[in-house]
């Protein structure tokens, strides 16, 4: 039996006063892995919820397979449920397939082949057998153990309750349960959060091997590039959401070309509209119908005047008709996208006064052990390492936010800015605009207006910071740093919660500037393109 496709037609969803999705359609056929891409707030998670049936559209329809799987942000289990219970639920369908096949085998053995019932039984057996093969039902228990191990949960006791697991472990267990199930359609929202490199590579392999449809929303550019057969761009475009074949690398080239076409078509239409308005208005007024004859044209005035007026009238009518047609069918003006347009990310520091920071035999018990590190005045340093190896701790030590054993020398008067992973503002009721101005001071906020940095939409500046998404809070925190650039900029996982395109622009900005930048990141796309130094941490032993 062919696996069913996941279909959405003309979905409309309004949240509050904002229309998040407006006529979005999507087809995800078996074997296709569709990535959803776009700025924060364009509706990626909303679309996934509609596809999953976790939310209902205001208009439009969704046709979904009955055994669809959806990676929730929170697991659909109580805190006292054990890991064994979650696995049993994930394996339930495979075990049901095997039990039903055994039952059908027994019925076929008892039913004569010339019986009217036999052909129907055989068809039912074949369909169940095919489903069991696709779920790899005979190998499900061994595969479940492999999936747990691949996601770093192999050593977790099966009697552990969800309440005793960390947030990262619960998220990985939710993903493991879906990969063990192998549903006909799988919806994934930010699936690589909480995963290290080995776990991400394992998930990529597992997802590529799924026979059904997959729809994934995420900011992990390397994952989108490795897994997706298609990408749907939900950012505003000339003809609505655009589907691009291939992964993220293919999308980048197509996106630039599509934006250029839109801007060119809009400019050409504006030029034609202006010309038609002149033709329909100015030309008609220039040749007035009651203009008298000049001295040298009195003999043939009547005939010539009539011909001229007919020509002018025809020209005006044609121009007016074309103007009306063009105004009805013209494309909208390309909205100004968020483009990181800040000043230099860092301020200059005298290059001849030695390093900005120097560490020697630095120790933070249980968190960091580092023999030596220096950060020169114009350094570009990437700090990598697995989860728990001390990347965030090192940045906190460099910033002076955390005391450490050993020797820590910092240049006198050094200005340091740290973008932490968790962005929290003390006054959540204050608006974005007031928070920016209150933090920087009126004079600096006026010198570098928040809207000029290209990090937040104008419509968001009046929102209370407590209502911002995680991505919007990070953008505001980054804006506060670059509006008054430090000599040493420390960025802890700077691409988390940012759209792929903004990540690209931020990474481009990191390569230039007079000061020093230290970045701690697990982002494989960022790491592949890094052109500066790299330090890899190995935990307290390293």
Protein backbone atom coordinates (compact mmCIF):
# COMPACT_ATOMS: atom_id res chain seq x y z
CA UNK A 1 0.00 0.00 0.00
CA UNK A 2 1.35 3.45 -0.85
CA UNK A 3 1.97 5.74 2.09
CA UNK A 4 -0.37 8.73 2.23
CA UNK A 5 0.88 12.26 1.61
CA UNK A 6 0.47 15.16 4.03
CA UNK A 7 -1.59 17.90 2.35
CA UNK A 8 -2.51 21.44 3.41
CA UNK A 9 -4.64 23.75 1.29
CA UNK A 10 -5.07 27.54 1.68
CA UNK A 11 -4.42 27.65 5.42
CA UNK A 12 -5.29 30.90 7.19
CA UNK A 13 -4.49 31.49 10.87
CA UNK A 14 -4.90 34.71 12.81
CA UNK A 15 -3.43 35.04 16.30
CA UNK A 16 -4.63 38.11 18.16
CA UNK A 17 -4.75 40.94 15.66
CA UNK A 18 -2.08 39.48 13.37
CA UNK A 19 -2.67 37.17 10.42
CA UNK A 20 0.25 34.75 10.81
CA UNK A 21 -0.59 32.50 7.85
CA UNK A 22 -2.51 33.73 4.83
CA UNK A 23 -3.43 31.09 2.24
CA UNK A 24 -0.48 28.72 2.75
CA UNK A 25 -0.57 25.39 0.90
CA UNK A 26 1.85 22.49 1.27
CA UNK A 27 2.30 18.99 -0.10
CA UNK A 28 4.69 16.59 1.62
CA UNK A 29 4.80 13.28 -0.25
CA UNK A 30 6.35 10.07 1.10
CA UNK A 31 10.13 10.22 0.82
CA UNK A 32 10.17 14.04 0.72
CA UNK A 33 11.66 16.01 3.59
CA UNK A 34 10.38 19.57 3.57
CA UNK A 35 12.10 22.30 5.57
CA UNK A 36 10.24 25.43 6.73
CA UNK A 37 12.43 28.51 6.74
CA UNK A 38 11.94 32.21 7.45
CA UNK A 39 12.26 34.95 10.02
CA UNK A 40 11.09 34.47 13.60
CA UNK A 41 7.36 35.03 13.72
CA UNK A 42 6.50 34.16 10.10
CA UNK A 43 4.49 31.14 11.23
CA UNK A 44 6.74 28.06 11.04
CA UNK A 45 5.65 26.60 14.39
CA UNK A 46 2.05 27.72 13.78
CA UNK A 47 2.03 25.84 10.47
CA UNK A 48 3.42 22.70 12.13
CA UNK A 49 0.68 22.83 14.78
CA UNK A 50 -1.98 23.11 12.09
CA UNK A 51 -0.47 20.21 10.15
CA UNK A 52 -0.40 18.11 13.33
CA UNK A 53 -3.98 18.95 14.32
CA UNK A 54 -2.78 20.56 17.56
CA UNK A 55 -4.43 23.79 16.39
CA UNK A 56 -7.25 24.51 13.93
CA UNK A 57 -7.01 26.92 10.97
CA UNK A 58 -9.43 29.82 10.57
CA UNK A 59 -9.79 28.70 6.94
CA UNK A 60 -8.34 25.98 4.74
CA UNK A 61 -7.94 22.25 5.26
CA UNK A 62 -5.36 19.61 6.19
CA UNK A 63 -5.31 15.96 5.12
CA UNK A 64 -2.95 13.96 7.29
CA UNK A 65 -2.04 10.27 7.75
CA UNK A 66 -3.65 8.71 10.83
CA UNK A 67 -0.29 7.80 12.40
CA UNK A 68 1.37 11.21 12.10
CA UNK A 69 4.08 12.03 14.66
CA UNK A 70 4.78 15.51 16.03
CA UNK A 71 7.83 16.55 18.05
CA UNK A 72 6.25 18.67 20.77
CA UNK A 73 8.20 21.29 22.69
CA UNK A 74 7.00 19.44 25.81
CA UNK A 75 6.53 15.68 25.99
CA UNK A 76 2.90 14.49 26.10
CA UNK A 77 3.53 12.44 29.27
CA UNK A 78 3.19 13.03 33.02
CA UNK A 79 6.34 13.53 35.12
CA UNK A 80 5.93 10.17 36.89
CA UNK A 81 6.01 8.21 33.62
CA UNK A 82 9.19 6.15 33.21
CA UNK A 83 11.50 5.87 30.25
CA UNK A 84 10.32 2.25 29.88
CA UNK A 85 6.71 3.48 29.59
CA UNK A 86 7.68 5.92 26.82
CA UNK A 87 9.51 3.17 24.93
CA UNK A 88 6.57 0.77 25.28
CA UNK A 89 4.28 3.40 23.79
CA UNK A 90 6.72 4.04 20.92
CA UNK A 91 6.95 0.30 20.18
CA UNK A 92 3.22 -0.36 20.57
CA UNK A 93 2.36 -0.07 16.85
CA UNK A 94 5.23 -2.33 15.78
CA UNK A 95 4.19 -4.94 18.34
CA UNK A 96 0.56 -4.67 17.22
CA UNK A 97 1.71 -5.29 13.62
CA UNK A 98 3.54 -8.47 14.65
CA UNK A 99 0.62 -9.72 16.74
CA UNK A 100 -1.84 -9.05 13.92
CA UNK A 101 0.42 -10.80 11.39
CA UNK A 102 0.55 -13.83 13.65
CA UNK A 103 -3.24 -13.79 13.94
CA UNK A 104 -3.72 -13.41 10.15
CA UNK A 105 -1.22 -16.22 9.48
CA UNK A 106 -3.26 -18.54 11.68
CA UNK A 107 -6.51 -17.53 9.95
CA UNK A 108 -4.99 -18.04 6.50
CA UNK A 109 -3.80 -21.50 7.54
CA UNK A 110 -7.37 -22.41 8.57
CA UNK A 111 -9.08 -20.91 5.52
CA UNK A 112 -9.30 -22.94 2.27
CA UNK A 113 -7.75 -21.16 -0.69
CA UNK A 114 -10.96 -21.53 -2.72
CA UNK A 115 -12.99 -19.87 0.04
CA UNK A 116 -14.52 -16.42 -0.78
CA UNK A 117 -12.89 -15.11 2.40
CA UNK A 118 -9.37 -16.14 1.42
CA UNK A 119 -8.57 -13.35 -1.09
CA UNK A 120 -9.63 -10.63 1.35
CA UNK A 121 -7.58 -12.16 4.14
CA UNK A 122 -4.56 -12.34 1.84
CA UNK A 123 -4.90 -8.64 0.92
CA UNK A 124 -5.18 -7.67 4.59
CA UNK A 125 -2.12 -9.78 5.40
CA UNK A 126 -0.12 -8.16 2.57
CA UNK A 127 -1.00 -4.63 3.68
CA UNK A 128 -0.09 -5.37 7.32
CA UNK A 129 3.13 -7.08 6.23
CA UNK A 130 4.16 -4.03 4.18
CA UNK A 131 3.47 -1.72 7.11
CA UNK A 132 5.46 -3.97 9.45
CA UNK A 133 8.40 -3.95 7.01
CA UNK A 134 8.37 -0.14 6.80
CA UNK A 135 8.31 0.09 10.58
CA UNK A 136 11.04 -2.55 10.78
CA UNK A 137 8.81 -4.22 13.35
CA UNK A 138 10.89 -7.40 13.73
CA UNK A 139 13.94 -5.32 14.65
CA UNK A 140 12.12 -2.64 16.66
CA UNK A 141 13.51 -3.45 20.12
CA UNK A 142 17.12 -3.55 18.91
CA UNK A 143 16.56 -0.36 16.90
CA UNK A 144 15.08 1.36 19.97
CA UNK A 145 18.27 0.61 21.89
CA UNK A 146 20.36 2.00 19.00
CA UNK A 147 18.26 5.18 18.87
CA UNK A 148 18.60 5.77 22.62
CA UNK A 149 22.33 5.24 22.39
CA UNK A 150 22.65 7.51 19.35
CA UNK A 151 20.88 10.31 21.24
CA UNK A 152 23.05 9.94 24.33
CA UNK A 153 20.41 8.17 26.44
CA UNK A 154 21.80 4.64 26.34
CA UNK A 155 23.10 4.80 29.91
CA UNK A 156 19.89 6.23 31.40
CA UNK A 157 18.02 3.63 33.45
CA UNK A 158 14.68 2.59 32.02
CA UNK A 159 13.12 2.96 35.48
CA UNK A 160 13.94 6.69 35.58
CA UNK A 161 10.90 8.97 35.58
CA UNK A 162 10.60 11.95 33.24
CA UNK A 163 10.58 14.22 36.26
CA UNK A 164 14.10 13.06 37.16
CA UNK A 165 15.52 13.85 33.71
CA UNK A 166 17.00 17.18 32.62
CA UNK A 167 15.19 19.31 30.06
CA UNK A 168 17.69 18.28 27.40
CA UNK A 169 17.24 14.58 28.20
CA UNK A 170 13.45 14.87 28.00
CA UNK A 171 13.70 16.61 24.62
CA UNK A 172 16.01 13.88 23.29
CA UNK A 173 13.69 11.16 24.63
CA UNK A 174 10.74 12.76 22.79
CA UNK A 175 12.73 12.69 19.56
CA UNK A 176 13.88 9.11 20.21
CA UNK A 177 10.28 7.93 20.68
CA UNK A 178 9.29 9.34 17.29
CA UNK A 179 12.29 7.84 15.50
CA UNK A 180 11.49 4.45 17.05
CA UNK A 181 7.84 4.72 15.92
CA UNK A 182 8.66 5.57 12.28
CA UNK A 183 5.24 7.17 11.59
CA UNK A 184 3.90 7.76 8.06
CA UNK A 185 4.48 11.51 8.47
CA UNK A 186 6.80 13.22 10.93
CA UNK A 187 6.71 16.87 12.01
CA UNK A 188 9.80 18.24 13.76
CA UNK A 189 10.14 21.64 15.42
CA UNK A 190 13.78 22.56 16.12
CA UNK A 191 14.87 18.89 16.35
CA UNK A 192 18.59 19.55 16.89
CA UNK A 193 18.20 21.62 20.07
CA UNK A 194 20.02 19.90 22.96
CA UNK A 195 22.04 17.67 20.59
CA UNK A 196 25.81 17.45 20.23
CA UNK A 197 27.56 16.81 16.92
CA UNK A 198 27.41 13.02 17.11
CA UNK A 199 23.72 13.02 18.04
CA UNK A 200 22.86 15.46 15.21
CA UNK A 201 24.71 13.29 12.67
CA UNK A 202 22.80 10.26 13.98
CA UNK A 203 19.43 12.06 13.66
CA UNK A 204 20.27 13.17 10.12
CA UNK A 205 20.92 9.56 9.15
CA UNK A 206 17.72 8.36 10.81
CA UNK A 207 15.52 11.05 9.24
CA UNK A 208 16.95 10.50 5.74
CA UNK A 209 16.09 6.80 6.07
CA UNK A 210 12.41 7.39 6.93
CA UNK A 211 10.09 6.23 4.10
CA UNK A 212 7.30 8.68 4.94
CA UNK A 213 6.95 12.46 4.65
CA UNK A 214 8.91 14.77 6.95
CA UNK A 215 8.30 18.46 7.63
CA UNK A 216 10.90 20.22 9.76
CA UNK A 217 11.10 23.77 11.06
CA UNK A 218 14.49 24.82 12.35
CA UNK A 219 17.36 27.27 12.40
CA UNK A 220 20.08 24.62 12.03
CA UNK A 221 21.40 25.43 8.56
CA UNK A 222 23.69 22.40 8.40
CA UNK A 223 20.79 20.09 9.33
CA UNK A 224 18.51 21.64 6.72
CA UNK A 225 21.26 21.27 4.14
CA UNK A 226 21.93 17.64 5.00
CA UNK A 227 18.34 16.40 5.34
CA UNK A 228 15.88 18.40 3.24
CA UNK A 229 14.79 17.60 -0.29
CA UNK A 230 12.80 20.86 -0.43
CA UNK A 231 12.63 24.14 1.48
CA UNK A 232 9.55 26.36 1.80
CA UNK A 233 10.39 30.00 2.45
CA UNK A 234 7.61 31.62 4.50
CA UNK A 235 9.14 35.10 4.32
CA UNK A 236 7.17 37.60 2.20
CA UNK A 237 7.75 37.13 -1.52
CA UNK A 238 6.27 38.24 -4.84
CA UNK A 239 3.99 35.19 -5.22
CA UNK A 240 3.57 34.07 -1.61
CA UNK A 241 5.51 31.21 0.06
CA UNK A 242 8.11 29.82 -2.35
CA UNK A 243 9.21 26.19 -2.53
CA UNK A 244 12.86 25.59 -3.39
CA UNK A 245 14.25 22.20 -4.36
CA UNK A 246 17.30 21.00 -2.46
CA UNK A 247 18.89 21.96 0.83
CA UNK A 248 20.04 25.21 2.40
CA UNK A 249 22.91 25.81 -0.01
CA UNK A 250 20.53 25.60 -2.98
CA UNK A 251 18.05 27.85 -1.18
CA UNK A 252 20.61 30.63 -0.64
CA UNK A 253 21.31 30.98 -4.36
CA UNK A 254 17.62 30.76 -5.31
CA UNK A 255 16.59 33.25 -2.60
CA UNK A 256 19.01 35.89 -3.82
CA UNK A 257 17.81 35.45 -7.41
CA UNK A 258 14.12 35.53 -6.39
CA UNK A 259 14.55 38.71 -4.35
CA UNK A 260 16.41 40.38 -7.22
CA UNK A 261 13.58 39.46 -9.64
CA UNK A 262 10.96 40.84 -7.28
CA UNK A 263 12.81 44.12 -6.77
CA UNK A 264 13.45 44.47 -10.51
CA UNK A 265 9.83 43.74 -11.47
CA UNK A 266 8.49 46.16 -8.86
CA UNK A 267 10.85 48.93 -10.03
CA UNK A 268 9.89 48.35 -13.68
CA UNK A 269 6.20 48.43 -12.83
CA UNK A 270 6.59 51.65 -10.83
CA UNK A 271 8.39 53.23 -13.77
CA UNK A 272 5.64 52.13 -16.17
CA UNK A 273 2.90 53.30 -13.79
CA UNK A 274 4.48 56.74 -13.57
CA UNK A 275 4.76 56.96 -17.37
CA UNK A 276 1.13 55.85 -17.87
CA UNK A 277 -0.14 58.37 -15.33
CA UNK A 278 1.69 61.12 -17.18
CA UNK A 279 0.32 59.89 -20.50
CA UNK A 280 -3.23 59.67 -19.20
CA UNK A 281 -3.15 62.99 -17.38
CA UNK A 282 -0.52 65.44 -18.55
CA UNK A 283 -0.90 64.60 -22.28
CA UNK A 284 -4.64 65.10 -22.19
CA UNK A 285 -4.30 68.53 -20.55
CA UNK A 286 -1.52 69.65 -22.90
CA UNK A 287 -3.75 69.35 -26.01
CA UNK A 288 -6.99 71.02 -24.90
CA UNK A 289 -10.07 70.43 -27.14
CA UNK A 290 -10.94 74.13 -27.48
CA UNK A 291 -7.50 75.39 -28.53
CA UNK A 292 -7.91 77.86 -31.39
CA UNK A 293 -6.06 77.68 -34.69
CA UNK A 294 -2.69 79.25 -35.18
CA UNK A 295 -2.25 81.70 -38.10
CA UNK A 296 -0.37 79.25 -40.29
CA UNK A 297 -2.92 76.43 -39.93
CA UNK A 298 -6.27 78.17 -40.54
CA UNK A 299 -7.02 76.53 -43.91
CA UNK A 300 -6.90 72.91 -42.67
CA UNK A 301 -7.54 73.52 -39.02
CA UNK A 302 -10.76 71.60 -38.71
CA UNK A 303 -9.53 68.37 -40.27
CA UNK A 304 -6.15 68.43 -38.56
CA UNK A 305 -7.66 69.36 -35.20
CA UNK A 306 -10.08 66.48 -35.43
CA UNK A 307 -7.34 63.99 -36.28
CA UNK A 308 -5.13 65.26 -33.45
CA UNK A 309 -7.95 65.10 -30.95
CA UNK A 310 -8.83 61.55 -32.04
CA UNK A 311 -5.20 60.47 -31.70
CA UNK A 312 -4.90 62.09 -28.29
CA UNK A 313 -8.17 60.60 -27.10
CA UNK A 314 -7.14 57.15 -28.29
CA UNK A 315 -3.73 57.51 -26.62
CA UNK A 316 -5.34 58.65 -23.36
CA UNK A 317 -7.87 55.78 -23.46
CA UNK A 318 -5.13 53.20 -24.10
CA UNK A 319 -2.95 54.61 -21.34
CA UNK A 320 -5.90 54.68 -18.93
CA UNK A 321 -6.85 51.10 -19.75
CA UNK A 322 -3.29 49.84 -19.33
CA UNK A 323 -2.97 51.84 -16.09
CA UNK A 324 -6.08 50.20 -14.67
CA UNK A 325 -4.87 46.73 -15.69
CA UNK A 326 -1.43 47.27 -14.19
CA UNK A 327 -2.78 48.68 -10.93
CA UNK A 328 -5.04 45.63 -10.54
CA UNK A 329 -2.30 43.08 -11.21
CA UNK A 330 0.84 44.83 -9.97
CA UNK A 331 3.10 43.12 -7.44
CA UNK A 332 3.41 44.51 -3.94
CA UNK A 333 6.47 46.45 -2.91
CA UNK A 334 9.12 44.09 -1.53
CA UNK A 335 9.03 44.59 2.26
CA UNK A 336 12.28 45.76 3.70
CA UNK A 337 13.77 42.62 5.23
CA UNK A 338 15.56 42.67 8.56
CA UNK A 339 19.19 43.11 7.62
CA UNK A 340 21.87 43.40 10.23
CA UNK A 341 23.16 46.91 9.58
CA UNK A 342 24.86 47.87 12.79
CA UNK A 343 28.11 49.71 13.21
CA UNK A 344 31.32 47.78 13.78
CA UNK A 345 30.68 45.04 16.33
CA UNK A 346 33.73 45.99 18.33
CA UNK A 347 35.74 49.09 19.24
CA UNK A 348 39.49 49.41 18.66
CA UNK A 349 42.03 48.69 21.36
CA UNK A 350 45.70 49.64 21.10
CA UNK A 351 47.39 46.66 19.42
CA UNK A 352 50.79 47.21 21.02
CA UNK A 353 49.73 46.97 24.67
CA UNK A 354 49.70 43.17 24.80
CA UNK A 355 46.68 40.84 24.87
CA UNK A 356 43.26 42.00 26.00
CA UNK A 357 42.95 39.00 28.33
CA UNK A 358 45.48 36.33 29.31
CA UNK A 359 44.62 33.17 31.26
CA UNK A 360 47.07 30.74 32.82
CA UNK A 361 46.24 27.55 34.77
CA UNK A 362 42.62 28.66 34.96
CA UNK A 363 40.31 26.44 36.99
CA UNK A 364 36.61 26.55 37.84
CA UNK A 365 35.95 23.36 39.83
CA UNK A 366 33.61 20.99 38.05
CA UNK A 367 33.27 23.31 35.05
CA UNK A 368 36.54 24.41 33.43
CA UNK A 369 40.21 23.52 33.33
CA UNK A 370 42.44 25.48 30.94
CA UNK A 371 46.23 25.69 30.93
CA UNK A 372 46.74 28.81 28.82
CA UNK A 373 44.81 31.22 26.60
CA UNK A 374 45.52 34.73 25.29
CA UNK A 375 43.16 36.99 23.39
CA UNK A 376 45.01 39.58 21.22
CA UNK A 377 43.52 42.97 20.39
CA UNK A 378 42.04 41.97 17.01
CA UNK A 379 41.49 38.27 17.63
CA UNK A 380 38.73 36.17 16.08
CA UNK A 381 38.49 33.09 18.30
CA UNK A 382 36.03 30.21 18.06
CA UNK A 383 35.57 28.07 21.18
CA UNK A 384 34.19 24.59 20.51
CA UNK A 385 33.66 21.41 22.48
CA UNK A 386 30.92 19.02 23.56
CA UNK A 387 28.13 19.82 25.98
CA UNK A 388 29.49 20.43 29.48
CA UNK A 389 33.10 21.08 28.45
CA UNK A 390 33.05 24.66 29.77
CA UNK A 391 32.42 26.92 26.76
CA UNK A 392 29.95 29.19 28.56
CA UNK A 393 32.09 29.11 31.70
CA UNK A 394 35.14 30.30 29.75
CA UNK A 395 33.21 33.24 28.30
CA UNK A 396 31.97 34.20 31.78
CA UNK A 397 35.57 34.13 33.06
CA UNK A 398 36.79 36.27 30.13
CA UNK A 399 33.96 38.74 30.83
CA UNK A 400 34.89 38.99 34.51
CA UNK A 401 31.48 37.65 35.55
CA UNK A 402 32.90 34.52 37.18
CA UNK A 403 35.87 34.16 39.50
CA UNK A 404 38.40 31.47 38.58
CA UNK A 405 41.48 29.97 40.12
CA UNK A 406 44.85 30.53 38.48
CA UNK A 407 46.02 33.69 36.75
CA UNK A 408 43.57 35.98 34.90
CA UNK A 409 45.09 39.21 33.54
CA UNK A 410 42.82 41.74 31.89
CA UNK A 411 44.00 44.94 30.18
CA UNK A 412 43.16 48.02 32.32
CA UNK A 413 40.13 49.91 31.07
CA UNK A 414 39.05 47.06 28.78
CA UNK A 415 35.40 47.23 27.72
CA UNK A 416 33.73 43.82 27.41
CA UNK A 417 30.29 42.80 26.13
CA UNK A 418 28.79 39.34 26.66
CA UNK A 419 25.80 37.90 24.81
CA UNK A 420 24.70 35.09 27.12
CA UNK A 421 22.59 32.13 26.06
CA UNK A 422 19.70 33.02 28.36
CA UNK A 423 18.46 36.54 27.73
CA UNK A 424 16.47 37.96 30.66
CA UNK A 425 15.46 41.58 31.19
CA UNK A 426 14.84 42.96 34.68
CA UNK A 427 11.73 44.94 33.68
CA UNK A 428 9.57 42.68 31.48
CA UNK A 429 6.74 45.24 31.45
CA UNK A 430 8.89 47.90 29.74
CA UNK A 431 8.64 48.23 25.98
CA UNK A 432 11.47 47.31 23.66
CA UNK A 433 12.02 50.98 22.83
CA UNK A 434 12.09 52.04 26.51
CA UNK A 435 14.42 49.16 27.45
CA UNK A 436 16.84 50.15 24.70
CA UNK A 437 16.79 53.82 25.68
CA UNK A 438 16.91 53.12 29.42
CA UNK A 439 19.91 50.80 29.09
CA UNK A 440 21.98 52.96 26.73
CA UNK A 441 20.84 56.42 27.80
CA UNK A 442 18.88 58.87 25.68
CA UNK A 443 21.88 60.37 23.91
CA UNK A 444 23.37 57.06 22.75
CA UNK A 445 19.94 55.63 21.82
CA UNK A 446 19.32 58.66 19.60
CA UNK A 447 22.80 58.43 18.06
CA UNK A 448 22.23 54.75 17.16
CA UNK A 449 18.45 54.27 16.71
CA UNK A 450 17.31 50.73 17.36
CA UNK A 451 15.43 50.53 14.06
CA UNK A 452 18.65 51.35 12.18
CA UNK A 453 20.33 48.12 13.32
CA UNK A 454 18.01 45.87 11.31
CA UNK A 455 17.46 43.47 14.20
CA UNK A 456 13.83 44.17 15.12
CA UNK A 457 10.79 45.22 13.11
CA UNK A 458 9.36 48.68 13.72
CA UNK A 459 6.06 47.09 14.80
CA UNK A 460 7.82 45.23 17.65
CA UNK A 461 9.41 48.26 19.29
CA UNK A 462 6.29 49.06 21.31
CA UNK A 463 5.90 45.52 22.70
CA UNK A 464 6.75 44.74 26.34
CA UNK A 465 10.00 42.77 26.42
CA UNK A 466 8.22 40.07 28.43
CA UNK A 467 6.09 39.30 25.35
CA UNK A 468 9.02 38.88 22.98
CA UNK A 469 9.98 35.48 21.61
CA UNK A 470 13.34 33.98 22.53
CA UNK A 471 14.72 35.06 19.15
CA UNK A 472 13.46 38.62 19.57
CA UNK A 473 14.99 38.87 23.06
CA UNK A 474 18.36 37.76 21.68
CA UNK A 475 18.11 40.36 18.91
CA UNK A 476 17.45 43.09 21.48
CA UNK A 477 20.36 41.92 23.64
CA UNK A 478 22.63 41.93 20.58
CA UNK A 479 21.39 45.41 19.64
CA UNK A 480 22.31 46.71 23.10
CA UNK A 481 25.84 45.34 22.68
CA UNK A 482 26.57 46.64 19.19
CA UNK A 483 24.99 50.06 19.79
CA UNK A 484 27.91 50.76 22.11
CA UNK A 485 30.60 48.41 20.77
CA UNK A 486 33.02 46.91 23.32
CA UNK A 487 36.68 46.23 22.66
CA UNK A 488 36.09 42.55 23.43
CA UNK A 489 32.82 40.96 22.29
CA UNK A 490 31.90 37.55 23.72
CA UNK A 491 29.08 35.64 22.00
CA UNK A 492 27.67 32.47 23.57
CA UNK A 493 25.81 30.44 20.92
CA UNK A 494 24.96 33.63 18.97
CA UNK A 495 22.96 31.83 16.25
CA UNK A 496 20.50 30.20 18.66
CA UNK A 497 16.92 31.37 17.99
CA UNK A 498 17.98 33.56 15.05
CA UNK A 499 16.70 33.02 11.52
CA UNK A 500 19.16 31.39 9.11
CA UNK A 501 19.48 34.53 6.99
CA UNK A 502 20.24 36.74 10.01
CA UNK A 503 22.81 34.16 11.13
CA UNK A 504 24.50 34.47 7.73
CA UNK A 505 24.64 38.26 8.05
CA UNK A 506 25.88 38.19 11.65
CA UNK A 507 28.66 35.78 10.71
CA UNK A 508 29.69 38.07 7.86
CA UNK A 509 29.85 41.00 10.29
CA UNK A 510 32.01 39.00 12.73
CA UNK A 511 34.81 38.84 10.19
CA UNK A 512 35.47 42.58 10.22
CA UNK A 513 35.92 45.26 12.86
CA UNK A 514 38.73 46.69 14.93
CA UNK A 515 38.34 44.81 18.23
CA UNK A 516 38.35 41.16 19.31
CA UNK A 517 35.53 38.61 19.11
CA UNK A 518 35.29 35.30 20.96
CA UNK A 519 32.46 32.98 19.91
CA UNK A 520 31.37 29.78 21.66
CA UNK A 521 29.22 27.72 19.34
CA UNK A 522 28.01 24.24 18.46
CA UNK A 523 26.62 25.57 15.13
CA UNK A 524 28.20 23.37 12.49
CA UNK A 525 27.49 25.82 9.66
CA UNK A 526 29.24 28.63 11.52
CA UNK A 527 32.16 26.38 12.38
CA UNK A 528 32.61 25.22 8.78
CA UNK A 529 33.01 28.78 7.55
CA UNK A 530 35.10 30.12 10.47
CA UNK A 531 38.27 31.83 9.29
CA UNK A 532 39.88 32.72 12.62
CA UNK A 533 41.51 30.72 15.40
CA UNK A 534 39.81 27.81 17.13
CA UNK A 535 40.20 26.41 20.64
CA UNK A 536 38.51 23.11 21.48
CA UNK A 537 37.68 22.35 25.10
CA UNK A 538 37.61 18.81 26.46
CA UNK A 539 36.19 19.35 29.94
CA UNK A 540 38.07 19.56 33.21
CA UNK A 541 40.68 17.08 32.10
CA UNK A 542 41.53 19.24 29.06
